[in-house]
Amino acid sequence: MTDLINVSGKCHCGKITLTGAVEANKIVACHCTDCQVFGGGPFRNNVMLKSENISIQGEVSNYNKIGGSGAVRTQGFCGNCGTHIYAVDTEKTLYSVRAGFLEQHKSLAPVKHIFANSAVQWLSNMSAVPWFEEGPNSVEIDYSSL
């Protein structure tokens, strides 16, 4: 077993909190089409936590889906604010916790990519396009003329 990293997080409205410990080699970027649809982006960064290494407080809403393998996966989210919390197998043995939900998300760099066959092709070019410090209403980016 590798070193454990303690993680903690709360949903946007604070009704659900999570604490846990993840093995450093269990941080993955998932490029499956379901993560793209549910997450609204090209991939989702996830930490894989065994059930004995996770504690969740608050009422998690669930949505069951059938994965590409035919297996049922439960999507856990906050029914109040909509924050995505995790996906888990029906036996609740291995949680795929959404790293963006965690306080440590900036330091949880993926160590592997999964479902690469579904990855968007433009992702490898991300470092070549301009990066800006702020969003659409900033001085750097003027979208008012669109």
N, C-alpha and C. Protein backbone atom coordinates (compact mmCIF):
# COMPACT_ATOMS: atom_id res chain seq x y z
N MET A 1 0.84 -1.18 0.00
CA MET A 1 0.00 0.00 0.00
C MET A 1 0.89 1.25 0.00
N THR A 2 0.46 2.25 -0.74
CA THR A 2 1.20 3.51 -0.78
C THR A 2 0.75 4.42 0.35
N ASP A 3 1.41 5.55 0.46
CA ASP A 3 1.04 6.52 1.49
C ASP A 3 -0.40 6.98 1.30
N LEU A 4 -1.07 7.24 2.43
CA LEU A 4 -2.43 7.73 2.38
C LEU A 4 -2.45 9.25 2.46
N ILE A 5 -3.34 9.86 1.69
CA ILE A 5 -3.54 11.31 1.69
C ILE A 5 -4.91 11.56 2.32
N ASN A 6 -4.95 12.34 3.39
CA ASN A 6 -6.22 12.68 4.00
C ASN A 6 -6.93 13.72 3.15
N VAL A 7 -8.23 13.49 2.91
CA VAL A 7 -9.03 14.41 2.12
C VAL A 7 -10.30 14.76 2.89
N SER A 8 -10.83 15.94 2.57
CA SER A 8 -12.09 16.37 3.18
C SER A 8 -12.76 17.33 2.23
N GLY A 9 -14.07 17.37 2.32
CA GLY A 9 -14.79 18.28 1.45
C GLY A 9 -16.22 18.48 1.91
N LYS A 10 -16.85 19.47 1.33
CA LYS A 10 -18.26 19.70 1.59
C LYS A 10 -18.90 20.21 0.31
N CYS A 11 -20.17 19.92 0.16
CA CYS A 11 -20.88 20.40 -1.02
C CYS A 11 -21.00 21.91 -0.98
N HIS A 12 -21.45 22.51 -2.04
CA HIS A 12 -21.52 23.96 -2.15
C HIS A 12 -22.36 24.59 -1.04
N CYS A 13 -23.48 23.94 -0.67
CA CYS A 13 -24.34 24.51 0.37
C CYS A 13 -23.96 24.05 1.77
N GLY A 14 -23.04 23.09 1.89
CA GLY A 14 -22.54 22.64 3.18
C GLY A 14 -23.36 21.57 3.87
N LYS A 15 -24.40 21.04 3.22
CA LYS A 15 -25.25 20.03 3.85
C LYS A 15 -24.62 18.64 3.87
N ILE A 16 -23.64 18.41 3.00
CA ILE A 16 -22.96 17.11 2.95
C ILE A 16 -21.47 17.34 3.15
N THR A 17 -20.88 16.58 4.05
CA THR A 17 -19.43 16.64 4.25
C THR A 17 -18.86 15.23 4.10
N LEU A 18 -17.59 15.19 3.75
CA LEU A 18 -16.91 13.91 3.52
C LEU A 18 -15.49 14.03 4.05
N THR A 19 -15.02 12.98 4.70
CA THR A 19 -13.62 12.86 5.07
C THR A 19 -13.17 11.47 4.64
N GLY A 20 -11.88 11.36 4.37
CA GLY A 20 -11.38 10.06 3.96
C GLY A 20 -9.88 10.06 3.77
N ALA A 21 -9.39 8.93 3.34
CA ALA A 21 -7.97 8.76 3.06
C ALA A 21 -7.83 8.00 1.75
N VAL A 22 -7.05 8.56 0.83
CA VAL A 22 -6.86 7.96 -0.48
C VAL A 22 -5.40 7.59 -0.66
N GLU A 23 -5.17 6.47 -1.31
CA GLU A 23 -3.80 6.09 -1.67
C GLU A 23 -3.34 7.00 -2.79
N ALA A 24 -2.10 7.46 -2.73
CA ALA A 24 -1.57 8.42 -3.70
C ALA A 24 -1.65 7.90 -5.13
N ASN A 25 -1.63 6.60 -5.33
CA ASN A 25 -1.69 6.04 -6.69
C ASN A 25 -3.12 5.79 -7.16
N LYS A 26 -4.11 6.30 -6.42
CA LYS A 26 -5.52 6.09 -6.76
C LYS A 26 -6.22 7.41 -7.12
N ILE A 27 -5.46 8.32 -7.74
CA ILE A 27 -6.02 9.58 -8.22
C ILE A 27 -6.05 9.48 -9.74
N VAL A 28 -7.26 9.52 -10.32
CA VAL A 28 -7.38 9.26 -11.75
C VAL A 28 -8.21 10.33 -12.45
N ALA A 29 -7.85 10.58 -13.69
CA ALA A 29 -8.67 11.41 -14.57
C ALA A 29 -9.50 10.45 -15.40
N CYS A 30 -10.82 10.56 -15.27
CA CYS A 30 -11.72 9.67 -16.01
C CYS A 30 -12.28 10.40 -17.23
N HIS A 31 -12.06 9.79 -18.38
CA HIS A 31 -12.48 10.38 -19.65
C HIS A 31 -13.70 9.68 -20.23
N CYS A 32 -14.41 8.88 -19.43
CA CYS A 32 -15.59 8.18 -19.96
C CYS A 32 -16.65 9.20 -20.35
N THR A 33 -17.51 8.82 -21.27
CA THR A 33 -18.54 9.76 -21.74
C THR A 33 -19.52 10.11 -20.63
N ASP A 34 -19.77 9.21 -19.69
CA ASP A 34 -20.65 9.55 -18.58
C ASP A 34 -20.06 10.66 -17.73
N CYS A 35 -18.76 10.61 -17.43
CA CYS A 35 -18.12 11.69 -16.66
C CYS A 35 -18.16 13.00 -17.44
N GLN A 36 -18.03 12.92 -18.75
CA GLN A 36 -18.12 14.13 -19.56
C GLN A 36 -19.52 14.74 -19.48
N VAL A 37 -20.55 13.89 -19.55
CA VAL A 37 -21.93 14.39 -19.48
C VAL A 37 -22.27 14.89 -18.07
N PHE A 38 -22.03 14.06 -17.05
CA PHE A 38 -22.37 14.45 -15.68
C PHE A 38 -21.54 15.64 -15.20
N GLY A 39 -20.26 15.68 -15.56
CA GLY A 39 -19.37 16.72 -15.08
C GLY A 39 -19.35 17.97 -15.93
N GLY A 40 -19.88 17.89 -17.16
CA GLY A 40 -19.92 19.06 -18.02
C GLY A 40 -18.57 19.48 -18.55
N GLY A 41 -17.61 18.57 -18.62
CA GLY A 41 -16.27 18.89 -19.11
C GLY A 41 -15.66 17.71 -19.83
N PRO A 42 -14.41 17.84 -20.25
CA PRO A 42 -13.77 16.77 -21.01
C PRO A 42 -13.39 15.55 -20.18
N PHE A 43 -13.27 15.71 -18.86
CA PHE A 43 -12.96 14.59 -17.96
C PHE A 43 -13.29 15.02 -16.54
N ARG A 44 -13.24 14.06 -15.62
CA ARG A 44 -13.38 14.38 -14.20
C ARG A 44 -12.20 13.79 -13.46
N ASN A 45 -11.67 14.58 -12.53
CA ASN A 45 -10.61 14.10 -11.67
C ASN A 45 -11.26 13.43 -10.47
N ASN A 46 -10.89 12.18 -10.19
CA ASN A 46 -11.49 11.39 -9.12
C ASN A 46 -10.43 10.80 -8.22
N VAL A 47 -10.79 10.62 -6.96
CA VAL A 47 -9.96 9.85 -6.04
C VAL A 47 -10.75 8.61 -5.65
N MET A 48 -10.09 7.48 -5.68
CA MET A 48 -10.75 6.20 -5.42
C MET A 48 -10.54 5.83 -3.95
N LEU A 49 -11.64 5.78 -3.18
CA LEU A 49 -11.57 5.49 -1.75
C LEU A 49 -12.32 4.19 -1.45
N LYS A 50 -11.68 3.32 -0.71
CA LYS A 50 -12.34 2.11 -0.23
C LYS A 50 -13.36 2.50 0.84
N SER A 51 -14.40 1.70 0.99
CA SER A 51 -15.47 2.04 1.93
C SER A 51 -14.97 2.21 3.36
N GLU A 52 -13.94 1.48 3.74
CA GLU A 52 -13.42 1.61 5.11
C GLU A 52 -12.61 2.89 5.31
N ASN A 53 -12.32 3.60 4.22
CA ASN A 53 -11.52 4.83 4.30
C ASN A 53 -12.33 6.09 4.03
N ILE A 54 -13.66 6.01 4.14
CA ILE A 54 -14.50 7.16 3.82
C ILE A 54 -15.60 7.33 4.87
N SER A 55 -15.91 8.57 5.18
CA SER A 55 -17.01 8.89 6.09
C SER A 55 -17.79 10.04 5.47
N ILE A 56 -19.10 9.86 5.35
CA ILE A 56 -19.96 10.86 4.74
C ILE A 56 -21.04 11.24 5.74
N GLN A 57 -21.22 12.54 5.94
CA GLN A 57 -22.28 13.04 6.79
C GLN A 57 -23.24 13.87 5.93
N GLY A 58 -24.52 13.69 6.16
CA GLY A 58 -25.54 14.40 5.40
C GLY A 58 -26.27 13.45 4.48
N GLU A 59 -27.37 13.93 3.94
CA GLU A 59 -28.21 13.09 3.08
C GLU A 59 -27.80 13.24 1.62
N VAL A 60 -27.25 12.15 1.08
CA VAL A 60 -26.82 12.13 -0.31
C VAL A 60 -27.97 11.62 -1.17
N SER A 61 -28.29 12.35 -2.23
CA SER A 61 -29.28 11.89 -3.20
C SER A 61 -28.58 10.97 -4.19
N ASN A 62 -29.31 10.01 -4.73
CA ASN A 62 -28.71 9.02 -5.62
C ASN A 62 -29.42 8.94 -6.95
N TYR A 63 -28.64 8.63 -7.97
CA TYR A 63 -29.16 8.34 -9.30
C TYR A 63 -28.42 7.11 -9.79
N ASN A 64 -29.14 6.05 -10.12
CA ASN A 64 -28.52 4.82 -10.63
C ASN A 64 -28.48 4.85 -12.14
N LYS A 65 -27.33 4.51 -12.68
CA LYS A 65 -27.16 4.43 -14.14
C LYS A 65 -26.50 3.11 -14.48
N ILE A 66 -26.62 2.72 -15.71
CA ILE A 66 -25.95 1.51 -16.22
C ILE A 66 -24.70 1.97 -16.97
N GLY A 67 -23.54 1.51 -16.52
CA GLY A 67 -22.29 1.88 -17.16
C GLY A 67 -22.08 1.12 -18.46
N GLY A 68 -21.05 1.49 -19.17
CA GLY A 68 -20.72 0.82 -20.43
C GLY A 68 -20.46 -0.67 -20.26
N SER A 69 -20.05 -1.07 -19.07
CA SER A 69 -19.79 -2.49 -18.79
C SER A 69 -21.08 -3.26 -18.49
N GLY A 70 -22.19 -2.53 -18.33
CA GLY A 70 -23.45 -3.16 -17.96
C GLY A 70 -23.70 -3.14 -16.46
N ALA A 71 -22.73 -2.70 -15.69
CA ALA A 71 -22.85 -2.66 -14.23
C ALA A 71 -23.60 -1.41 -13.79
N VAL A 72 -24.36 -1.53 -12.71
CA VAL A 72 -25.05 -0.39 -12.12
C VAL A 72 -24.05 0.45 -11.33
N ARG A 73 -24.07 1.75 -11.55
CA ARG A 73 -23.24 2.70 -10.80
C ARG A 73 -24.17 3.73 -10.19
N THR A 74 -24.03 3.95 -8.90
CA THR A 74 -24.83 4.95 -8.21
C THR A 74 -24.07 6.27 -8.20
N GLN A 75 -24.72 7.31 -8.69
CA GLN A 75 -24.16 8.65 -8.68
C GLN A 75 -24.70 9.36 -7.45
N GLY A 76 -23.82 9.79 -6.55
CA GLY A 76 -24.23 10.49 -5.34
C GLY A 76 -24.02 11.98 -5.49
N PHE A 77 -25.04 12.76 -5.12
CA PHE A 77 -24.97 14.20 -5.25
C PHE A 77 -25.81 14.87 -4.18
N CYS A 78 -25.60 16.14 -3.97
CA CYS A 78 -26.41 16.90 -3.03
C CYS A 78 -27.72 17.27 -3.70
N GLY A 79 -28.82 16.84 -3.11
CA GLY A 79 -30.13 17.15 -3.67
C GLY A 79 -30.52 18.61 -3.53
N ASN A 80 -29.79 19.35 -2.72
CA ASN A 80 -30.09 20.77 -2.52
C ASN A 80 -29.32 21.65 -3.51
N CYS A 81 -27.99 21.53 -3.54
CA CYS A 81 -27.19 22.42 -4.40
C CYS A 81 -26.70 21.74 -5.68
N GLY A 82 -26.83 20.42 -5.77
CA GLY A 82 -26.44 19.70 -6.99
C GLY A 82 -24.99 19.29 -7.08
N THR A 83 -24.18 19.57 -6.06
CA THR A 83 -22.77 19.19 -6.10
C THR A 83 -22.63 17.69 -6.29
N HIS A 84 -21.80 17.28 -7.25
CA HIS A 84 -21.52 15.86 -7.46
C HIS A 84 -20.52 15.42 -6.40
N ILE A 85 -20.84 14.32 -5.71
CA ILE A 85 -20.01 13.84 -4.61
C ILE A 85 -19.20 12.61 -5.01
N TYR A 86 -19.87 11.59 -5.57
CA TYR A 86 -19.18 10.34 -5.89
C TYR A 86 -20.00 9.50 -6.85
N ALA A 87 -19.36 8.44 -7.33
CA ALA A 87 -20.02 7.31 -7.96
C ALA A 87 -19.55 6.09 -7.18
N VAL A 88 -20.42 5.09 -7.06
CA VAL A 88 -20.07 3.91 -6.28
C VAL A 88 -20.76 2.68 -6.86
N ASP A 89 -20.15 1.52 -6.66
CA ASP A 89 -20.75 0.27 -7.09
C ASP A 89 -21.92 -0.07 -6.17
N THR A 90 -22.75 -1.02 -6.57
CA THR A 90 -23.95 -1.36 -5.79
C THR A 90 -23.62 -1.90 -4.41
N GLU A 91 -22.46 -2.51 -4.23
CA GLU A 91 -22.06 -3.04 -2.92
C GLU A 91 -21.43 -1.98 -2.04
N LYS A 92 -21.21 -0.78 -2.61
CA LYS A 92 -20.58 0.34 -1.91
C LYS A 92 -19.22 -0.05 -1.32
N THR A 93 -18.39 -0.67 -2.16
CA THR A 93 -17.06 -1.06 -1.72
C THR A 93 -15.98 -0.08 -2.16
N LEU A 94 -16.17 0.57 -3.32
CA LEU A 94 -15.17 1.49 -3.84
C LEU A 94 -15.86 2.75 -4.35
N TYR A 95 -15.55 3.87 -3.72
CA TYR A 95 -16.12 5.16 -4.07
C TYR A 95 -15.18 5.91 -5.00
N SER A 96 -15.73 6.45 -6.06
CA SER A 96 -15.00 7.33 -6.96
C SER A 96 -15.44 8.75 -6.60
N VAL A 97 -14.69 9.38 -5.70
CA VAL A 97 -15.05 10.69 -5.17
C VAL A 97 -14.56 11.77 -6.13
N ARG A 98 -15.42 12.72 -6.40
CA ARG A 98 -15.10 13.81 -7.32
C ARG A 98 -14.11 14.77 -6.64
N ALA A 99 -12.91 14.84 -7.17
CA ALA A 99 -11.85 15.61 -6.53
C ALA A 99 -12.17 17.09 -6.44
N GLY A 100 -12.94 17.64 -7.36
CA GLY A 100 -13.30 19.05 -7.32
C GLY A 100 -14.11 19.43 -6.10
N PHE A 101 -14.73 18.46 -5.49
CA PHE A 101 -15.53 18.63 -4.28
C PHE A 101 -14.66 18.71 -3.03
N LEU A 102 -13.42 18.30 -3.15
CA LEU A 102 -12.52 18.20 -1.99
C LEU A 102 -11.70 19.47 -1.79
N GLU A 103 -11.43 19.81 -0.53
CA GLU A 103 -10.62 20.99 -0.21
C GLU A 103 -9.22 20.88 -0.81
N GLN A 104 -8.71 19.68 -0.96
CA GLN A 104 -7.35 19.44 -1.46
C GLN A 104 -7.28 19.33 -2.98
N HIS A 105 -8.34 19.68 -3.69
CA HIS A 105 -8.42 19.41 -5.13
C HIS A 105 -7.24 19.95 -5.94
N LYS A 106 -6.66 21.06 -5.54
CA LYS A 106 -5.55 21.62 -6.32
C LYS A 106 -4.28 20.77 -6.25
N SER A 107 -4.15 19.97 -5.21
CA SER A 107 -2.95 19.14 -5.07
C SER A 107 -3.17 17.69 -5.46
N LEU A 108 -4.38 17.34 -5.87
CA LEU A 108 -4.69 15.95 -6.21
C LEU A 108 -4.54 15.72 -7.71
N ALA A 109 -3.31 15.76 -8.17
CA ALA A 109 -3.04 15.57 -9.59
C ALA A 109 -3.20 14.11 -9.98
N PRO A 110 -3.88 13.85 -11.09
CA PRO A 110 -4.06 12.46 -11.52
C PRO A 110 -2.73 11.77 -11.80
N VAL A 111 -2.66 10.51 -11.44
CA VAL A 111 -1.47 9.72 -11.73
C VAL A 111 -1.73 8.74 -12.88
N LYS A 112 -2.99 8.68 -13.33
CA LYS A 112 -3.33 7.88 -14.50
C LYS A 112 -4.63 8.39 -15.10
N HIS A 113 -4.80 8.09 -16.37
CA HIS A 113 -6.00 8.45 -17.12
C HIS A 113 -6.72 7.15 -17.48
N ILE A 114 -8.04 7.15 -17.31
CA ILE A 114 -8.82 5.96 -17.66
C ILE A 114 -9.87 6.33 -18.72
N PHE A 115 -10.31 5.32 -19.45
CA PHE A 115 -11.26 5.47 -20.56
C PHE A 115 -10.71 6.44 -21.61
N ALA A 116 -9.43 6.27 -21.94
CA ALA A 116 -8.77 7.14 -22.92
C ALA A 116 -9.44 7.05 -24.29
N ASN A 117 -10.11 5.95 -24.58
CA ASN A 117 -10.78 5.82 -25.88
C ASN A 117 -11.93 6.83 -26.03
N SER A 118 -12.39 7.43 -24.93
CA SER A 118 -13.45 8.44 -24.99
C SER A 118 -12.91 9.86 -24.84
N ALA A 119 -11.62 10.01 -24.68
CA ALA A 119 -11.03 11.33 -24.44
C ALA A 119 -11.24 12.25 -25.64
N VAL A 120 -11.49 13.53 -25.37
CA VAL A 120 -11.61 14.51 -26.45
C VAL A 120 -10.22 14.77 -27.02
N GLN A 121 -10.14 14.90 -28.32
CA GLN A 121 -8.85 15.02 -28.99
C GLN A 121 -8.14 16.33 -28.69
N TRP A 122 -8.87 17.41 -28.45
CA TRP A 122 -8.25 18.72 -28.24
C TRP A 122 -7.59 18.87 -26.88
N LEU A 123 -7.79 17.93 -25.98
CA LEU A 123 -7.26 18.06 -24.63
C LEU A 123 -5.73 18.15 -24.61
N SER A 124 -5.06 17.44 -25.49
CA SER A 124 -3.60 17.44 -25.51
C SER A 124 -3.03 18.80 -25.93
N ASN A 125 -3.86 19.69 -26.47
CA ASN A 125 -3.42 21.01 -26.92
C ASN A 125 -3.70 22.11 -25.89
N MET A 126 -4.16 21.77 -24.70
CA MET A 126 -4.58 22.77 -23.71
C MET A 126 -3.48 23.75 -23.31
N SER A 127 -2.25 23.31 -23.24
CA SER A 127 -1.18 24.22 -22.82
C SER A 127 -0.83 25.24 -23.91
N ALA A 128 -1.27 25.02 -25.14
CA ALA A 128 -0.93 25.91 -26.25
C ALA A 128 -1.91 27.07 -26.40
N VAL A 129 -3.07 27.01 -25.76
CA VAL A 129 -4.05 28.08 -25.88
C VAL A 129 -3.88 29.07 -24.72
N PRO A 130 -4.30 30.33 -24.90
CA PRO A 130 -4.12 31.34 -23.85
C PRO A 130 -4.84 30.98 -22.55
N TRP A 131 -4.22 31.35 -21.43
CA TRP A 131 -4.80 31.18 -20.10
C TRP A 131 -4.95 32.58 -19.51
N PHE A 132 -6.08 32.82 -18.84
CA PHE A 132 -6.35 34.13 -18.24
C PHE A 132 -6.62 33.96 -16.74
N GLU A 133 -6.25 34.97 -15.98
CA GLU A 133 -6.40 34.93 -14.52
C GLU A 133 -7.85 34.97 -14.06
N GLU A 134 -8.73 35.63 -14.83
CA GLU A 134 -10.11 35.81 -14.42
C GLU A 134 -11.06 35.39 -15.53
N GLY A 135 -12.38 35.56 -15.28
CA GLY A 135 -13.40 35.06 -16.18
C GLY A 135 -13.95 36.05 -17.18
N PRO A 136 -15.11 35.74 -17.76
CA PRO A 136 -15.69 36.49 -18.87
C PRO A 136 -15.91 37.98 -18.62
N ASN A 137 -16.16 38.40 -17.40
CA ASN A 137 -16.41 39.82 -17.12
C ASN A 137 -15.15 40.59 -16.74
N SER A 138 -13.99 39.97 -16.88
CA SER A 138 -12.74 40.64 -16.52
C SER A 138 -12.28 41.58 -17.62
N VAL A 139 -11.32 42.42 -17.30
CA VAL A 139 -10.73 43.34 -18.28
C VAL A 139 -10.00 42.56 -19.37
N GLU A 140 -9.36 41.45 -18.99
CA GLU A 140 -8.59 40.64 -19.95
C GLU A 140 -9.46 40.07 -21.07
N ILE A 141 -10.66 39.69 -20.71
CA ILE A 141 -11.55 39.05 -21.68
C ILE A 141 -12.79 39.92 -21.80
N ASP A 142 -13.01 40.50 -22.96
CA ASP A 142 -14.17 41.34 -23.16
C ASP A 142 -15.14 40.65 -24.11
N TYR A 143 -16.16 40.06 -23.54
CA TYR A 143 -17.18 39.37 -24.34
C TYR A 143 -18.37 40.26 -24.64
N SER A 144 -18.31 41.54 -24.25
CA SER A 144 -19.45 42.43 -24.44
C SER A 144 -19.74 42.66 -25.92
N SER A 145 -18.78 42.48 -26.78
CA SER A 145 -19.00 42.72 -28.21
C SER A 145 -19.56 41.50 -28.94
N LEU A 146 -19.76 40.41 -28.24
CA LEU A 146 -20.29 39.21 -28.90
C LEU A 146 -21.78 39.28 -29.14
